[in-house]
Amino acid sequence: MSLLAMAQRTVEQMDSTTAAQHADSCFTFLLKALDLRQKRPAHLPALDTIEQGSVAVLLALTMKLSEAKFKPLFLRLLDWAATPPAAQPGGFAPICHCLLHDLLQEWL
């Protein structure tokens, strides 16, 4: 079981209050995982799997949060996605947009 699958199961089993308490640290962790494509480490051939797992955890977390708690995290996500990486302008954030869109369609 991967770390992201374990994180997803943990978030899914949390109640809303606990998820709200840990949302900031979880979100920071997920943004770091999603930034791996920008850094492009040669020893990580499974970037697509990491991104899919990160988005799945992000979606599970989102479903546990109130609008008031989710809104600042969503704004951070928009800032992250709008900031192009130095090496590849316009690059990797659209992939995550597509993954989020697909997963939201499945959940809703």
C-alpha atoms as a PDB file:
ATOM      1  CA  MET A   1       0.000   0.000   0.000  1.00  0.00           C
ATOM      2  CA  SER A   2       1.391   3.378  -0.947  1.00  0.00           C
ATOM      3  CA  LEU A   3       1.636   6.350   1.370  1.00  0.00           C
ATOM      4  CA  LEU A   4      -0.984   8.214  -0.647  1.00  0.00           C
ATOM      5  CA  ALA A   5      -3.434   5.300  -0.529  1.00  0.00           C
ATOM      6  CA  MET A   6      -2.945   5.141   3.222  1.00  0.00           C
ATOM      7  CA  ALA A   7      -3.505   8.908   3.492  1.00  0.00           C
ATOM      8  CA  GLN A   8      -6.679   8.597   1.425  1.00  0.00           C
ATOM      9  CA  ARG A   9      -8.063   5.848   3.673  1.00  0.00           C
ATOM     10  CA  THR A  10      -7.201   7.869   6.752  1.00  0.00           C
ATOM     11  CA  VAL A  11      -8.933  10.992   5.441  1.00  0.00           C
ATOM     12  CA  GLU A  12     -11.979   9.002   4.354  1.00  0.00           C
ATOM     13  CA  GLN A  13     -12.346   7.593   7.869  1.00  0.00           C
ATOM     14  CA  MET A  14     -11.938  10.965   9.616  1.00  0.00           C
ATOM     15  CA  ASP A  15     -14.936  12.850  10.868  1.00  0.00           C
ATOM     16  CA  SER A  16     -15.400  16.398   9.581  1.00  0.00           C
ATOM     17  CA  THR A  17     -14.030  18.040  12.731  1.00  0.00           C
ATOM     18  CA  THR A  18     -10.809  16.026  12.638  1.00  0.00           C
ATOM     19  CA  ALA A  19     -10.420  16.623   8.905  1.00  0.00           C
ATOM     20  CA  ALA A  20     -10.796  20.378   9.457  1.00  0.00           C
ATOM     21  CA  GLN A  21      -8.111  20.290  12.175  1.00  0.00           C
ATOM     22  CA  HIS A  22      -5.605  18.528   9.911  1.00  0.00           C
ATOM     23  CA  ALA A  23      -6.604  20.099   6.587  1.00  0.00           C
ATOM     24  CA  ASP A  24      -3.759  22.625   6.404  1.00  0.00           C
ATOM     25  CA  SER A  25      -0.989  20.104   7.031  1.00  0.00           C
ATOM     26  CA  CYS A  26      -2.576  17.541   4.680  1.00  0.00           C
ATOM     27  CA  PHE A  27      -2.977  20.157   1.990  1.00  0.00           C
ATOM     28  CA  THR A  28       0.640  21.285   2.321  1.00  0.00           C
ATOM     29  CA  PHE A  29       1.760  17.654   1.986  1.00  0.00           C
ATOM     30  CA  LEU A  30      -0.414  17.155  -1.107  1.00  0.00           C
ATOM     31  CA  LEU A  31       0.899  20.295  -2.819  1.00  0.00           C
ATOM     32  CA  LYS A  32       4.448  19.039  -2.255  1.00  0.00           C
ATOM     33  CA  ALA A  33       3.499  15.714  -3.820  1.00  0.00           C
ATOM     34  CA  LEU A  34       1.921  17.501  -6.780  1.00  0.00           C
ATOM     35  CA  ASP A  35       5.074  19.622  -7.205  1.00  0.00           C
ATOM     36  CA  LEU A  36       7.162  16.537  -7.981  1.00  0.00           C
ATOM     37  CA  ARG A  37       6.527  16.872 -11.700  1.00  0.00           C
ATOM     38  CA  GLN A  38       8.017  20.364 -11.659  1.00  0.00           C
ATOM     39  CA  LYS A  39      11.153  19.099  -9.951  1.00  0.00           C
ATOM     40  CA  ARG A  40      11.321  16.056 -12.269  1.00  0.00           C
ATOM     41  CA  PRO A  41      13.478  13.705 -10.257  1.00  0.00           C
ATOM     42  CA  ALA A  42      14.892  11.071 -12.567  1.00  0.00           C
ATOM     43  CA  HIS A  43      14.351   8.331  -9.985  1.00  0.00           C
ATOM     44  CA  LEU A  44      10.547   8.805  -9.918  1.00  0.00           C
ATOM     45  CA  PRO A  45       9.103   7.162 -13.010  1.00  0.00           C
ATOM     46  CA  ALA A  46       5.604   6.924 -11.448  1.00  0.00           C
ATOM     47  CA  LEU A  47       4.741  10.631 -11.425  1.00  0.00           C
ATOM     48  CA  ASP A  48       1.302   9.992 -12.937  1.00  0.00           C
ATOM     49  CA  THR A  49       0.481   7.540 -10.156  1.00  0.00           C
ATOM     50  CA  ILE A  50       1.676  10.003  -7.518  1.00  0.00           C
ATOM     51  CA  GLU A  51      -0.446  12.777  -9.013  1.00  0.00           C
ATOM     52  CA  GLN A  52      -3.534  10.561  -9.227  1.00  0.00           C
ATOM     53  CA  GLY A  53      -3.085   9.478  -5.615  1.00  0.00           C
ATOM     54  CA  SER A  54      -2.565  13.066  -4.466  1.00  0.00           C
ATOM     55  CA  VAL A  55      -5.690  14.251  -6.243  1.00  0.00           C
ATOM     56  CA  ALA A  56      -7.694  11.368  -4.763  1.00  0.00           C
ATOM     57  CA  VAL A  57      -6.584  12.347  -1.242  1.00  0.00           C
ATOM     58  CA  LEU A  58      -7.320  15.998  -2.002  1.00  0.00           C
ATOM     59  CA  LEU A  59     -10.801  15.097  -3.154  1.00  0.00           C
ATOM     60  CA  ALA A  60     -11.462  12.941  -0.080  1.00  0.00           C
ATOM     61  CA  LEU A  61     -10.316  15.811   2.123  1.00  0.00           C
ATOM     62  CA  THR A  62     -12.473  18.298   0.230  1.00  0.00           C
ATOM     63  CA  MET A  63     -15.588  16.216   0.819  1.00  0.00           C
ATOM     64  CA  LYS A  64     -14.994  16.379   4.582  1.00  0.00           C
ATOM     65  CA  LEU A  65     -14.583  20.158   4.831  1.00  0.00           C
ATOM     66  CA  SER A  66     -17.119  22.916   5.219  1.00  0.00           C
ATOM     67  CA  GLU A  67     -17.195  25.670   2.621  1.00  0.00           C
ATOM     68  CA  ALA A  68     -15.576  28.087   5.077  1.00  0.00           C
ATOM     69  CA  LYS A  69     -12.668  25.711   5.691  1.00  0.00           C
ATOM     70  CA  PHE A  70     -12.325  24.644   2.058  1.00  0.00           C
ATOM     71  CA  LYS A  71     -12.326  28.121   0.505  1.00  0.00           C
ATOM     72  CA  PRO A  72      -8.821  29.183   1.711  1.00  0.00           C
ATOM     73  CA  LEU A  73      -7.416  25.824   0.611  1.00  0.00           C
ATOM     74  CA  PHE A  74      -9.061  26.189  -2.782  1.00  0.00           C
ATOM     75  CA  LEU A  75      -7.520  29.655  -3.175  1.00  0.00           C
ATOM     76  CA  ARG A  76      -4.099  28.192  -2.333  1.00  0.00           C
ATOM     77  CA  LEU A  77      -4.685  25.505  -4.957  1.00  0.00           C
ATOM     78  CA  LEU A  78      -5.560  28.157  -7.542  1.00  0.00           C
ATOM     79  CA  ASP A  79      -2.409  30.125  -6.687  1.00  0.00           C
ATOM     80  CA  TRP A  80      -0.348  26.963  -6.987  1.00  0.00           C
ATOM     81  CA  ALA A  81      -1.909  26.035 -10.322  1.00  0.00           C
ATOM     82  CA  ALA A  82      -1.540  29.558 -11.738  1.00  0.00           C
ATOM     83  CA  THR A  83       2.167  29.772 -10.912  1.00  0.00           C
ATOM     84  CA  PRO A  84       4.059  28.381 -13.902  1.00  0.00           C
ATOM     85  CA  PRO A  85       7.207  26.406 -13.141  1.00  0.00           C
ATOM     86  CA  ALA A  86      10.434  28.026 -14.254  1.00  0.00           C
ATOM     87  CA  ALA A  87      11.453  25.136 -16.509  1.00  0.00           C
ATOM     88  CA  GLN A  88       8.161  24.639 -18.282  1.00  0.00           C
ATOM     89  CA  PRO A  89       5.807  27.650 -18.470  1.00  0.00           C
ATOM     90  CA  GLY A  90       2.162  26.674 -18.403  1.00  0.00           C
ATOM     91  CA  GLY A  91       3.260  23.122 -17.636  1.00  0.00           C
ATOM     92  CA  PHE A  92       2.062  20.624 -15.117  1.00  0.00           C
ATOM     93  CA  ALA A  93      -0.896  22.234 -13.324  1.00  0.00           C
ATOM     94  CA  PRO A  94      -3.355  21.509 -16.201  1.00  0.00           C
ATOM     95  CA  ILE A  95      -2.768  17.793 -15.635  1.00  0.00           C
ATOM     96  CA  CYS A  96      -3.980  18.179 -12.060  1.00  0.00           C
ATOM     97  CA  HIS A  97      -6.956  20.223 -13.244  1.00  0.00           C
ATOM     98  CA  CYS A  98      -7.987  17.353 -15.501  1.00  0.00           C
ATOM     99  CA  LEU A  99      -7.511  14.800 -12.739  1.00  0.00           C
ATOM    100  CA  LEU A 100      -9.573  16.885 -10.304  1.00  0.00           C
ATOM    101  CA  HIS A 101     -12.308  17.312 -12.895  1.00  0.00           C
ATOM    102  CA  ASP A 102     -12.467  13.579 -13.622  1.00  0.00           C
ATOM    103  CA  LEU A 103     -12.509  12.604  -9.964  1.00  0.00           C
ATOM    104  CA  LEU A 104     -15.158  15.186  -9.094  1.00  0.00           C
ATOM    105  CA  GLN A 105     -17.372  13.769 -11.820  1.00  0.00           C
ATOM    106  CA  GLU A 106     -16.978  10.290 -10.336  1.00  0.00           C
ATOM    107  CA  TRP A 107     -17.757  11.420  -6.777  1.00  0.00           C
ATOM    108  CA  LEU A 108     -20.648  13.719  -7.598  1.00  0.00           C
END
